[in-house]
Amino acid sequence: MSADPPARLIVSEVRAALERGLAPGFAQKVAANALGIAQRELERAAPAGAEDMQELADRIRGAAVLDDALIGKLIELAIARMEIDQPTYPPFRAWKDAAGDGAGWRVP
């Protein structure tokens, strides 16, 4: 799954903000959070590339009913994106802790 914005753009923009002189406080927290997202994006293998996403989109458009395999793939991609974008989000963290790092999720 491709990130929007991509990690390289996040790093570039935060660097530019730092060079201009980033105000202390909230702006610093936003910059630090953005760099954390970029770092996790770069450290982890992308859960799906552009071709995979296009194939998935085509399958969804062509499906009269979403089957368990397709729903499972969508859940897997959502979990992978949360791991990168918001790994400390309290409801996600609580679910992941209860599910044993997400290993126990099942398609409804």
PDB file of N, CA and C in Angstrom:
ATOM      1  N   MET A   1       0.853  -1.150   0.000  1.00  0.00           N
ATOM      2  CA  MET A   1       0.000   0.000   0.000  1.00  0.00           C
ATOM      3  C   MET A   1       0.904   1.220   0.000  1.00  0.00           C
ATOM      4  N   SER A   2       0.637   2.113  -0.870  1.00  0.00           N
ATOM      5  CA  SER A   2       1.479   3.290  -0.919  1.00  0.00           C
ATOM      6  C   SER A   2       0.975   4.325   0.075  1.00  0.00           C
ATOM      7  N   ALA A   3       1.926   4.977   0.707  1.00  0.00           N
ATOM      8  CA  ALA A   3       1.571   6.006   1.683  1.00  0.00           C
ATOM      9  C   ALA A   3       1.331   7.317   0.950  1.00  0.00           C
ATOM     10  N   ASP A   4       0.449   8.109   1.492  1.00  0.00           N
ATOM     11  CA  ASP A   4       0.196   9.411   0.912  1.00  0.00           C
ATOM     12  C   ASP A   4       0.199  10.424   2.039  1.00  0.00           C
ATOM     13  N   PRO A   5       1.168  11.253   2.183  1.00  0.00           N
ATOM     14  CA  PRO A   5       2.311  11.434   1.298  1.00  0.00           C
ATOM     15  C   PRO A   5       3.388  10.376   1.547  1.00  0.00           C
ATOM     16  N   PRO A   6       4.225  10.141   0.539  1.00  0.00           N
ATOM     17  CA  PRO A   6       5.292   9.156   0.715  1.00  0.00           C
ATOM     18  C   PRO A   6       6.332   9.630   1.723  1.00  0.00           C
ATOM     19  N   ALA A   7       7.042   8.671   2.292  1.00  0.00           N
ATOM     20  CA  ALA A   7       8.028   8.967   3.345  1.00  0.00           C
ATOM     21  C   ALA A   7       9.048  10.004   2.889  1.00  0.00           C
ATOM     22  N   ARG A   8       9.504   9.915   1.658  1.00  0.00           N
ATOM     23  CA  ARG A   8      10.524  10.853   1.182  1.00  0.00           C
ATOM     24  C   ARG A   8      10.019  12.292   1.192  1.00  0.00           C
ATOM     25  N   LEU A   9       8.726  12.485   0.913  1.00  0.00           N
ATOM     26  CA  LEU A   9       8.158  13.834   0.936  1.00  0.00           C
ATOM     27  C   LEU A   9       8.022  14.331   2.374  1.00  0.00           C
ATOM     28  N   ILE A  10       7.633  13.460   3.289  1.00  0.00           N
ATOM     29  CA  ILE A  10       7.533  13.836   4.699  1.00  0.00           C
ATOM     30  C   ILE A  10       8.888  14.316   5.203  1.00  0.00           C
ATOM     31  N   VAL A  11       9.931  13.533   4.937  1.00  0.00           N
ATOM     32  CA  VAL A  11      11.276  13.893   5.399  1.00  0.00           C
ATOM     33  C   VAL A  11      11.698  15.222   4.786  1.00  0.00           C
ATOM     34  N   SER A  12      11.440  15.398   3.512  1.00  0.00           N
ATOM     35  CA  SER A  12      11.817  16.633   2.829  1.00  0.00           C
ATOM     36  C   SER A  12      11.113  17.855   3.431  1.00  0.00           C
ATOM     37  N   GLU A  13       9.819  17.730   3.694  1.00  0.00           N
ATOM     38  CA  GLU A  13       9.053  18.853   4.233  1.00  0.00           C
ATOM     39  C   GLU A  13       9.443  19.177   5.672  1.00  0.00           C
ATOM     40  N   VAL A  14       9.672  18.158   6.483  1.00  0.00           N
ATOM     41  CA  VAL A  14      10.090  18.413   7.867  1.00  0.00           C
ATOM     42  C   VAL A  14      11.465  19.063   7.873  1.00  0.00           C
ATOM     43  N   ARG A  15      12.349  18.586   7.013  1.00  0.00           N
ATOM     44  CA  ARG A  15      13.680  19.201   6.926  1.00  0.00           C
ATOM     45  C   ARG A  15      13.569  20.673   6.553  1.00  0.00           C
ATOM     46  N   ALA A  16      12.729  20.989   5.563  1.00  0.00           N
ATOM     47  CA  ALA A  16      12.537  22.384   5.155  1.00  0.00           C
ATOM     48  C   ALA A  16      11.985  23.217   6.309  1.00  0.00           C
ATOM     49  N   ALA A  17      11.043  22.660   7.058  1.00  0.00           N
ATOM     50  CA  ALA A  17      10.481  23.383   8.203  1.00  0.00           C
ATOM     51  C   ALA A  17      11.547  23.640   9.258  1.00  0.00           C
ATOM     52  N   LEU A  18      12.402  22.651   9.485  1.00  0.00           N
ATOM     53  CA  LEU A  18      13.483  22.827  10.462  1.00  0.00           C
ATOM     54  C   LEU A  18      14.473  23.891   9.996  1.00  0.00           C
ATOM     55  N   GLU A  19      14.760  23.900   8.722  1.00  0.00           N
ATOM     56  CA  GLU A  19      15.684  24.898   8.186  1.00  0.00           C
ATOM     57  C   GLU A  19      15.114  26.310   8.294  1.00  0.00           C
ATOM     58  N   ARG A  20      13.786  26.440   8.162  1.00  0.00           N
ATOM     59  CA  ARG A  20      13.141  27.754   8.294  1.00  0.00           C
ATOM     60  C   ARG A  20      13.037  28.185   9.746  1.00  0.00           C
ATOM     61  N   GLY A  21      13.161  27.242  10.652  1.00  0.00           N
ATOM     62  CA  GLY A  21      13.026  27.546  12.072  1.00  0.00           C
ATOM     63  C   GLY A  21      11.653  27.158  12.572  1.00  0.00           C
ATOM     64  N   LEU A  22      11.554  25.981  13.072  1.00  0.00           N
ATOM     65  CA  LEU A  22      10.285  25.441  13.540  1.00  0.00           C
ATOM     66  C   LEU A  22       9.976  25.979  14.931  1.00  0.00           C
ATOM     67  N   ALA A  23       8.779  26.502  15.114  1.00  0.00           N
ATOM     68  CA  ALA A  23       8.381  27.037  16.409  1.00  0.00           C
ATOM     69  C   ALA A  23       8.249  25.903  17.420  1.00  0.00           C
ATOM     70  N   PRO A  24       8.680  26.144  18.662  1.00  0.00           N
ATOM     71  CA  PRO A  24       8.540  25.111  19.682  1.00  0.00           C
ATOM     72  C   PRO A  24       7.072  24.845  19.990  1.00  0.00           C
ATOM     73  N   GLY A  25       6.816  23.681  20.514  1.00  0.00           N
ATOM     74  CA  GLY A  25       5.458  23.332  20.918  1.00  0.00           C
ATOM     75  C   GLY A  25       4.798  22.404  19.923  1.00  0.00           C
ATOM     76  N   PHE A  26       3.567  22.762  19.549  1.00  0.00           N
ATOM     77  CA  PHE A  26       2.747  21.897  18.702  1.00  0.00           C
ATOM     78  C   PHE A  26       3.420  21.581  17.373  1.00  0.00           C
ATOM     79  N   ALA A  27       4.010  22.576  16.731  1.00  0.00           N
ATOM     80  CA  ALA A  27       4.660  22.360  15.427  1.00  0.00           C
ATOM     81  C   ALA A  27       5.772  21.327  15.532  1.00  0.00           C
ATOM     82  N   GLN A  28       6.512  21.340  16.644  1.00  0.00           N
ATOM     83  CA  GLN A  28       7.559  20.341  16.840  1.00  0.00           C
ATOM     84  C   GLN A  28       6.966  18.947  17.003  1.00  0.00           C
ATOM     85  N   LYS A  29       5.864  18.848  17.718  1.00  0.00           N
ATOM     86  CA  LYS A  29       5.216  17.552  17.901  1.00  0.00           C
ATOM     87  C   LYS A  29       4.693  16.999  16.580  1.00  0.00           C
ATOM     88  N   VAL A  30       4.122  17.862  15.752  1.00  0.00           N
ATOM     89  CA  VAL A  30       3.641  17.434  14.441  1.00  0.00           C
ATOM     90  C   VAL A  30       4.807  16.937  13.589  1.00  0.00           C
ATOM     91  N   ALA A  31       5.913  17.683  13.611  1.00  0.00           N
ATOM     92  CA  ALA A  31       7.093  17.291  12.838  1.00  0.00           C
ATOM     93  C   ALA A  31       7.651  15.960  13.332  1.00  0.00           C
ATOM     94  N   ALA A  32       7.730  15.780  14.635  1.00  0.00           N
ATOM     95  CA  ALA A  32       8.246  14.530  15.198  1.00  0.00           C
ATOM     96  C   ALA A  32       7.331  13.361  14.835  1.00  0.00           C
ATOM     97  N   ASN A  33       6.016  13.571  14.901  1.00  0.00           N
ATOM     98  CA  ASN A  33       5.067  12.527  14.526  1.00  0.00           C
ATOM     99  C   ASN A  33       5.214  12.173  13.044  1.00  0.00           C
ATOM    100  N   ALA A  34       5.343  13.174  12.193  1.00  0.00           N
ATOM    101  CA  ALA A  34       5.516  12.932  10.754  1.00  0.00           C
ATOM    102  C   ALA A  34       6.788  12.141  10.483  1.00  0.00           C
ATOM    103  N   LEU A  35       7.868  12.487  11.179  1.00  0.00           N
ATOM    104  CA  LEU A  35       9.111  11.736  10.995  1.00  0.00           C
ATOM    105  C   LEU A  35       8.968  10.301  11.486  1.00  0.00           C
ATOM    106  N   GLY A  36       8.205  10.094  12.549  1.00  0.00           N
ATOM    107  CA  GLY A  36       7.956   8.730  13.031  1.00  0.00           C
ATOM    108  C   GLY A  36       7.220   7.899  11.992  1.00  0.00           C
ATOM    109  N   ILE A  37       6.221   8.501  11.351  1.00  0.00           N
ATOM    110  CA  ILE A  37       5.492   7.800  10.291  1.00  0.00           C
ATOM    111  C   ILE A  37       6.441   7.456   9.149  1.00  0.00           C
ATOM    112  N   ALA A  38       7.246   8.433   8.734  1.00  0.00           N
ATOM    113  CA  ALA A  38       8.191   8.198   7.639  1.00  0.00           C
ATOM    114  C   ALA A  38       9.183   7.099   8.001  1.00  0.00           C
ATOM    115  N   GLN A  39       9.675   7.122   9.227  1.00  0.00           N
ATOM    116  CA  GLN A  39      10.632   6.109   9.666  1.00  0.00           C
ATOM    117  C   GLN A  39      10.009   4.713   9.626  1.00  0.00           C
ATOM    118  N   ARG A  40       8.798   4.574  10.158  1.00  0.00           N
ATOM    119  CA  ARG A  40       8.136   3.265  10.139  1.00  0.00           C
ATOM    120  C   ARG A  40       7.853   2.817   8.711  1.00  0.00           C
ATOM    121  N   GLU A  41       7.495   3.754   7.853  1.00  0.00           N
ATOM    122  CA  GLU A  41       7.245   3.440   6.445  1.00  0.00           C
ATOM    123  C   GLU A  41       8.511   2.897   5.792  1.00  0.00           C
ATOM    124  N   LEU A  42       9.637   3.532   6.083  1.00  0.00           N
ATOM    125  CA  LEU A  42      10.904   3.110   5.479  1.00  0.00           C
ATOM    126  C   LEU A  42      11.434   1.801   6.071  1.00  0.00           C
ATOM    127  N   GLU A  43      11.150   1.553   7.350  1.00  0.00           N
ATOM    128  CA  GLU A  43      11.660   0.352   8.017  1.00  0.00           C
ATOM    129  C   GLU A  43      10.874  -0.899   7.665  1.00  0.00           C
ATOM    130  N   ARG A  44       9.604  -0.744   7.361  1.00  0.00           N
ATOM    131  CA  ARG A  44       8.762  -1.913   7.095  1.00  0.00           C
ATOM    132  C   ARG A  44       8.594  -2.089   5.599  1.00  0.00           C
ATOM    133  N   ALA A  45       8.494  -3.326   5.208  1.00  0.00           N
ATOM    134  CA  ALA A  45       8.165  -3.592   3.817  1.00  0.00           C
ATOM    135  C   ALA A  45       6.739  -3.113   3.577  1.00  0.00           C
ATOM    136  N   ALA A  46       6.520  -2.475   2.468  1.00  0.00           N
ATOM    137  CA  ALA A  46       5.182  -1.986   2.154  1.00  0.00           C
ATOM    138  C   ALA A  46       4.213  -3.160   2.084  1.00  0.00           C
ATOM    139  N   PRO A  47       3.062  -3.060   2.745  1.00  0.00           N
ATOM    140  CA  PRO A  47       2.112  -4.166   2.738  1.00  0.00           C
ATOM    141  C   PRO A  47       1.579  -4.491   1.347  1.00  0.00           C
ATOM    142  N   ALA A  48       1.528  -3.508   0.474  1.00  0.00           N
ATOM    143  CA  ALA A  48       1.074  -3.747  -0.898  1.00  0.00           C
ATOM    144  C   ALA A  48       1.574  -2.609  -1.774  1.00  0.00           C
ATOM    145  N   GLY A  49       1.992  -2.970  -2.959  1.00  0.00           N
ATOM    146  CA  GLY A  49       2.439  -1.967  -3.908  1.00  0.00           C
ATOM    147  C   GLY A  49       1.284  -1.444  -4.738  1.00  0.00           C
ATOM    148  N   ALA A  50       1.597  -0.537  -5.656  1.00  0.00           N
ATOM    149  CA  ALA A  50       0.564   0.071  -6.495  1.00  0.00           C
ATOM    150  C   ALA A  50      -0.155  -0.981  -7.339  1.00  0.00           C
ATOM    151  N   GLU A  51       0.595  -1.955  -7.869  1.00  0.00           N
ATOM    152  CA  GLU A  51      -0.037  -3.001  -8.685  1.00  0.00           C
ATOM    153  C   GLU A  51      -0.986  -3.847  -7.839  1.00  0.00           C
ATOM    154  N   ASP A  52      -0.542  -4.178  -6.613  1.00  0.00           N
ATOM    155  CA  ASP A  52      -1.400  -4.959  -5.718  1.00  0.00           C
ATOM    156  C   ASP A  52      -2.671  -4.195  -5.388  1.00  0.00           C
ATOM    157  N   MET A  53      -2.532  -2.900  -5.140  1.00  0.00           N
ATOM    158  CA  MET A  53      -3.702  -2.093  -4.810  1.00  0.00           C
ATOM    159  C   MET A  53      -4.654  -1.999  -5.993  1.00  0.00           C
ATOM    160  N   GLN A  54      -4.105  -1.886  -7.211  1.00  0.00           N
ATOM    161  CA  GLN A  54      -4.954  -1.829  -8.398  1.00  0.00           C
ATOM    162  C   GLN A  54      -5.702  -3.141  -8.586  1.00  0.00           C
ATOM    163  N   GLU A  55      -5.000  -4.255  -8.374  1.00  0.00           N
ATOM    164  CA  GLU A  55      -5.641  -5.567  -8.480  1.00  0.00           C
ATOM    165  C   GLU A  55      -6.759  -5.710  -7.446  1.00  0.00           C
ATOM    166  N   LEU A  56      -6.489  -5.258  -6.222  1.00  0.00           N
ATOM    167  CA  LEU A  56      -7.491  -5.322  -5.165  1.00  0.00           C
ATOM    168  C   LEU A  56      -8.696  -4.450  -5.517  1.00  0.00           C
ATOM    169  N   ALA A  57      -8.440  -3.244  -6.014  1.00  0.00           N
ATOM    170  CA  ALA A  57      -9.536  -2.347  -6.414  1.00  0.00           C
ATOM    171  C   ALA A  57     -10.366  -2.973  -7.526  1.00  0.00           C
ATOM    172  N   ASP A  58      -9.707  -3.603  -8.496  1.00  0.00           N
ATOM    173  CA  ASP A  58     -10.430  -4.262  -9.588  1.00  0.00           C
ATOM    174  C   ASP A  58     -11.290  -5.414  -9.067  1.00  0.00           C
ATOM    175  N   ARG A  59     -10.749  -6.171  -8.104  1.00  0.00           N
ATOM    176  CA  ARG A  59     -11.520  -7.279  -7.517  1.00  0.00           C
ATOM    177  C   ARG A  59     -12.751  -6.763  -6.781  1.00  0.00           C
ATOM    178  N   ILE A  60     -12.599  -5.651  -6.061  1.00  0.00           N
ATOM    179  CA  ILE A  60     -13.735  -5.085  -5.321  1.00  0.00           C
ATOM    180  C   ILE A  60     -14.793  -4.595  -6.298  1.00  0.00           C
ATOM    181  N   ARG A  61     -14.361  -3.875  -7.334  1.00  0.00           N
ATOM    182  CA  ARG A  61     -15.321  -3.359  -8.323  1.00  0.00           C
ATOM    183  C   ARG A  61     -16.071  -4.479  -9.032  1.00  0.00           C
ATOM    184  N   GLY A  62     -15.386  -5.600  -9.268  1.00  0.00           N
ATOM    185  CA  GLY A  62     -15.992  -6.691 -10.015  1.00  0.00           C
ATOM    186  C   GLY A  62     -16.774  -7.673  -9.166  1.00  0.00           C
ATOM    187  N   ALA A  63     -16.737  -7.512  -7.873  1.00  0.00           N
ATOM    188  CA  ALA A  63     -17.384  -8.479  -6.983  1.00  0.00           C
ATOM    189  C   ALA A  63     -18.819  -8.071  -6.688  1.00  0.00           C
ATOM    190  N   ALA A  64     -19.726  -9.016  -6.899  1.00  0.00           N
ATOM    191  CA  ALA A  64     -21.107  -8.773  -6.501  1.00  0.00           C
ATOM    192  C   ALA A  64     -21.211  -8.855  -4.981  1.00  0.00           C
ATOM    193  N   VAL A  65     -20.452  -9.787  -4.421  1.00  0.00           N
ATOM    194  CA  VAL A  65     -20.385  -9.975  -2.976  1.00  0.00           C
ATOM    195  C   VAL A  65     -18.924 -10.156  -2.621  1.00  0.00           C
ATOM    196  N   LEU A  66     -18.481  -9.489  -1.569  1.00  0.00           N
ATOM    197  CA  LEU A  66     -17.092  -9.635  -1.148  1.00  0.00           C
ATOM    198  C   LEU A  66     -16.933 -10.966  -0.421  1.00  0.00           C
ATOM    199  N   ASP A  67     -15.991 -11.785  -0.889  1.00  0.00           N
ATOM    200  CA  ASP A  67     -15.769 -13.078  -0.245  1.00  0.00           C
ATOM    201  C   ASP A  67     -14.825 -12.916   0.955  1.00  0.00           C
ATOM    202  N   ASP A  68     -14.707 -13.968   1.741  1.00  0.00           N
ATOM    203  CA  ASP A  68     -13.885 -13.913   2.954  1.00  0.00           C
ATOM    204  C   ASP A  68     -12.425 -13.603   2.654  1.00  0.00           C
ATOM    205  N   ALA A  69     -11.895 -14.117   1.544  1.00  0.00           N
ATOM    206  CA  ALA A  69     -10.492 -13.858   1.196  1.00  0.00           C
ATOM    207  C   ALA A  69     -10.270 -12.375   0.919  1.00  0.00           C
ATOM    208  N   LEU A  70     -11.195 -11.754   0.213  1.00  0.00           N
ATOM    209  CA  LEU A  70     -11.077 -10.334  -0.104  1.00  0.00           C
ATOM    210  C   LEU A  70     -11.234  -9.481   1.154  1.00  0.00           C
ATOM    211  N   ILE A  71     -12.202  -9.807   1.981  1.00  0.00           N
ATOM    212  CA  ILE A  71     -12.391  -9.083   3.242  1.00  0.00           C
ATOM    213  C   ILE A  71     -11.150  -9.250   4.122  1.00  0.00           C
ATOM    214  N   GLY A  72     -10.617 -10.454   4.175  1.00  0.00           N
ATOM    215  CA  GLY A  72      -9.404 -10.704   4.954  1.00  0.00           C
ATOM    216  C   GLY A  72      -8.237  -9.863   4.476  1.00  0.00           C
ATOM    217  N   LYS A  73      -8.088  -9.730   3.149  1.00  0.00           N
ATOM    218  CA  LYS A  73      -7.004  -8.907   2.596  1.00  0.00           C
ATOM    219  C   LYS A  73      -7.192  -7.446   2.975  1.00  0.00           C
ATOM    220  N   LEU A  74      -8.424  -6.958   2.922  1.00  0.00           N
ATOM    221  CA  LEU A  74      -8.692  -5.567   3.299  1.00  0.00           C
ATOM    222  C   LEU A  74      -8.364  -5.320   4.773  1.00  0.00           C
ATOM    223  N   ILE A  75      -8.733  -6.262   5.630  1.00  0.00           N
ATOM    224  CA  ILE A  75      -8.424  -6.135   7.059  1.00  0.00           C
ATOM    225  C   ILE A  75      -6.914  -6.159   7.264  1.00  0.00           C
ATOM    226  N   GLU A  76      -6.233  -7.065   6.583  1.00  0.00           N
ATOM    227  CA  GLU A  76      -4.774  -7.163   6.687  1.00  0.00           C
ATOM    228  C   GLU A  76      -4.096  -5.854   6.280  1.00  0.00           C
ATOM    229  N   LEU A  77      -4.554  -5.239   5.193  1.00  0.00           N
ATOM    230  CA  LEU A  77      -3.985  -3.971   4.739  1.00  0.00           C
ATOM    231  C   LEU A  77      -4.282  -2.838   5.724  1.00  0.00           C
ATOM    232  N   ALA A  78      -5.481  -2.825   6.296  1.00  0.00           N
ATOM    233  CA  ALA A  78      -5.829  -1.789   7.274  1.00  0.00           C
ATOM    234  C   ALA A  78      -4.951  -1.904   8.522  1.00  0.00           C
ATOM    235  N   ILE A  79      -4.735  -3.136   8.981  1.00  0.00           N
ATOM    236  CA  ILE A  79      -3.876  -3.354  10.153  1.00  0.00           C
ATOM    237  C   ILE A  79      -2.449  -2.901   9.850  1.00  0.00           C
ATOM    238  N   ALA A  80      -1.939  -3.268   8.682  1.00  0.00           N
ATOM    239  CA  ALA A  80      -0.578  -2.873   8.296  1.00  0.00           C
ATOM    240  C   ALA A  80      -0.446  -1.358   8.228  1.00  0.00           C
ATOM    241  N   ARG A  81      -1.466  -0.673   7.717  1.00  0.00           N
ATOM    242  CA  ARG A  81      -1.417   0.788   7.626  1.00  0.00           C
ATOM    243  C   ARG A  81      -1.439   1.419   9.021  1.00  0.00           C
ATOM    244  N   MET A  82      -2.259   0.864   9.925  1.00  0.00           N
ATOM    245  CA  MET A  82      -2.304   1.374  11.298  1.00  0.00           C
ATOM    246  C   MET A  82      -0.957   1.196  11.984  1.00  0.00           C
ATOM    247  N   GLU A  83      -0.288   0.083  11.720  1.00  0.00           N
ATOM    248  CA  GLU A  83       1.034  -0.163  12.301  1.00  0.00           C
ATOM    249  C   GLU A  83       2.018   0.931  11.921  1.00  0.00           C
ATOM    250  N   ILE A  84       1.856   1.481  10.742  1.00  0.00           N
ATOM    251  CA  ILE A  84       2.758   2.531  10.270  1.00  0.00           C
ATOM    252  C   ILE A  84       2.272   3.904  10.717  1.00  0.00           C
ATOM    253  N   ASP A  85       0.996   4.188  10.485  1.00  0.00           N
ATOM    254  CA  ASP A  85       0.480   5.541  10.730  1.00  0.00           C
ATOM    255  C   ASP A  85       0.206   5.863  12.194  1.00  0.00           C
ATOM    256  N   GLN A  86      -0.398   4.944  12.923  1.00  0.00           N
ATOM    257  CA  GLN A  86      -0.831   5.237  14.295  1.00  0.00           C
ATOM    258  C   GLN A  86      -0.665   4.034  15.215  1.00  0.00           C
ATOM    259  N   PRO A  87       0.547   3.509  15.378  1.00  0.00           N
ATOM    260  CA  PRO A  87       0.712   2.293  16.179  1.00  0.00           C
ATOM    261  C   PRO A  87       0.378   2.461  17.661  1.00  0.00           C
ATOM    262  N   THR A  88       0.366   3.697  18.155  1.00  0.00           N
ATOM    263  CA  THR A  88       0.071   3.913  19.575  1.00  0.00           C
ATOM    264  C   THR A  88      -1.360   4.407  19.818  1.00  0.00           C
ATOM    265  N   TYR A  89      -2.184   4.446  18.779  1.00  0.00           N
ATOM    266  CA  TYR A  89      -3.585   4.867  18.926  1.00  0.00           C
ATOM    267  C   TYR A  89      -4.250   3.937  19.936  1.00  0.00           C
ATOM    268  N   PRO A  90      -4.767   4.485  21.045  1.00  0.00           N
ATOM    269  CA  PRO A  90      -5.232   3.636  22.149  1.00  0.00           C
ATOM    270  C   PRO A  90      -6.190   2.498  21.772  1.00  0.00           C
ATOM    271  N   PRO A  91      -7.247   2.730  20.968  1.00  0.00           N
ATOM    272  CA  PRO A  91      -8.112   1.592  20.639  1.00  0.00           C
ATOM    273  C   PRO A  91      -7.379   0.512  19.816  1.00  0.00           C
ATOM    274  N   PHE A  92      -6.500   0.934  18.919  1.00  0.00           N
ATOM    275  CA  PHE A  92      -5.729  -0.035  18.125  1.00  0.00           C
ATOM    276  C   PHE A  92      -4.784  -0.816  19.022  1.00  0.00           C
ATOM    277  N   ARG A  93      -4.108  -0.105  19.921  1.00  0.00           N
ATOM    278  CA  ARG A  93      -3.172  -0.762  20.842  1.00  0.00           C
ATOM    279  C   ARG A  93      -3.916  -1.756  21.731  1.00  0.00           C
ATOM    280  N   ALA A  94      -5.091  -1.369  22.253  1.00  0.00           N
ATOM    281  CA  ALA A  94      -5.875  -2.254  23.125  1.00  0.00           C
ATOM    282  C   ALA A  94      -6.320  -3.496  22.353  1.00  0.00           C
ATOM    283  N   TRP A  95      -6.804  -3.308  21.124  1.00  0.00           N
ATOM    284  CA  TRP A  95      -7.219  -4.447  20.314  1.00  0.00           C
ATOM    285  C   TRP A  95      -6.032  -5.361  20.041  1.00  0.00           C
ATOM    286  N   LYS A  96      -4.903  -4.749  19.685  1.00  0.00           N
ATOM    287  CA  LYS A  96      -3.725  -5.543  19.344  1.00  0.00           C
ATOM    288  C   LYS A  96      -3.215  -6.317  20.557  1.00  0.00           C
ATOM    289  N   ASP A  97      -3.194  -5.674  21.707  1.00  0.00           N
ATOM    290  CA  ASP A  97      -2.770  -6.354  22.933  1.00  0.00           C
ATOM    291  C   ASP A  97      -3.719  -7.516  23.259  1.00  0.00           C
ATOM    292  N   ALA A  98      -5.018  -7.288  23.117  1.00  0.00           N
ATOM    293  CA  ALA A  98      -6.002  -8.331  23.411  1.00  0.00           C
ATOM    294  C   ALA A  98      -5.941  -9.466  22.393  1.00  0.00           C
ATOM    295  N   ALA A  99      -5.592  -9.128  21.138  1.00  0.00           N
ATOM    296  CA  ALA A  99      -5.553 -10.128  20.075  1.00  0.00           C
ATOM    297  C   ALA A  99      -4.184 -10.782  19.946  1.00  0.00           C
ATOM    298  N   GLY A 100      -3.252 -10.441  20.827  1.00  0.00           N
ATOM    299  CA  GLY A 100      -1.921 -11.006  20.711  1.00  0.00           C
ATOM    300  C   GLY A 100      -1.189 -10.506  19.500  1.00  0.00           C
ATOM    301  N   ASP A 101      -1.042  -9.199  19.398  1.00  0.00           N
ATOM    302  CA  ASP A 101      -0.412  -8.529  18.255  1.00  0.00           C
ATOM    303  C   ASP A 101      -1.179  -8.735  16.949  1.00  0.00           C
ATOM    304  N   GLY A 102      -2.463  -8.890  17.054  1.00  0.00           N
ATOM    305  CA  GLY A 102      -3.290  -8.976  15.870  1.00  0.00           C
ATOM    306  C   GLY A 102      -3.318 -10.341  15.219  1.00  0.00           C
ATOM    307  N   ALA A 103      -2.599 -11.291  15.805  1.00  0.00           N
ATOM    308  CA  ALA A 103      -2.534 -12.615  15.191  1.00  0.00           C
ATOM    309  C   ALA A 103      -3.851 -13.347  15.252  1.00  0.00           C
ATOM    310  N   GLY A 104      -4.739 -12.941  16.165  1.00  0.00           N
ATOM    311  CA  GLY A 104      -5.974 -13.681  16.351  1.00  0.00           C
ATOM    312  C   GLY A 104      -7.189 -13.132  15.629  1.00  0.00           C
ATOM    313  N   TRP A 105      -7.018 -12.135  14.745  1.00  0.00           N
ATOM    314  CA  TRP A 105      -8.200 -11.587  14.079  1.00  0.00           C
ATOM    315  C   TRP A 105      -8.769 -12.619  13.121  1.00  0.00           C
ATOM    316  N   ARG A 106     -10.062 -12.560  12.985  1.00  0.00           N
ATOM    317  CA  ARG A 106     -10.763 -13.480  12.089  1.00  0.00           C
ATOM    318  C   ARG A 106     -11.757 -12.684  11.248  1.00  0.00           C
ATOM    319  N   VAL A 107     -11.959 -13.145  10.033  1.00  0.00           N
ATOM    320  CA  VAL A 107     -12.972 -12.525   9.173  1.00  0.00           C
ATOM    321  C   VAL A 107     -14.329 -12.833   9.774  1.00  0.00           C
ATOM    322  N   PRO A 108     -15.170 -11.802   9.947  1.00  0.00           N
ATOM    323  CA  PRO A 108     -16.486 -12.033  10.547  1.00  0.00           C
ATOM    324  C   PRO A 108     -17.327 -12.998   9.729  1.00  0.00           C
TER     325      PRO A 108
END
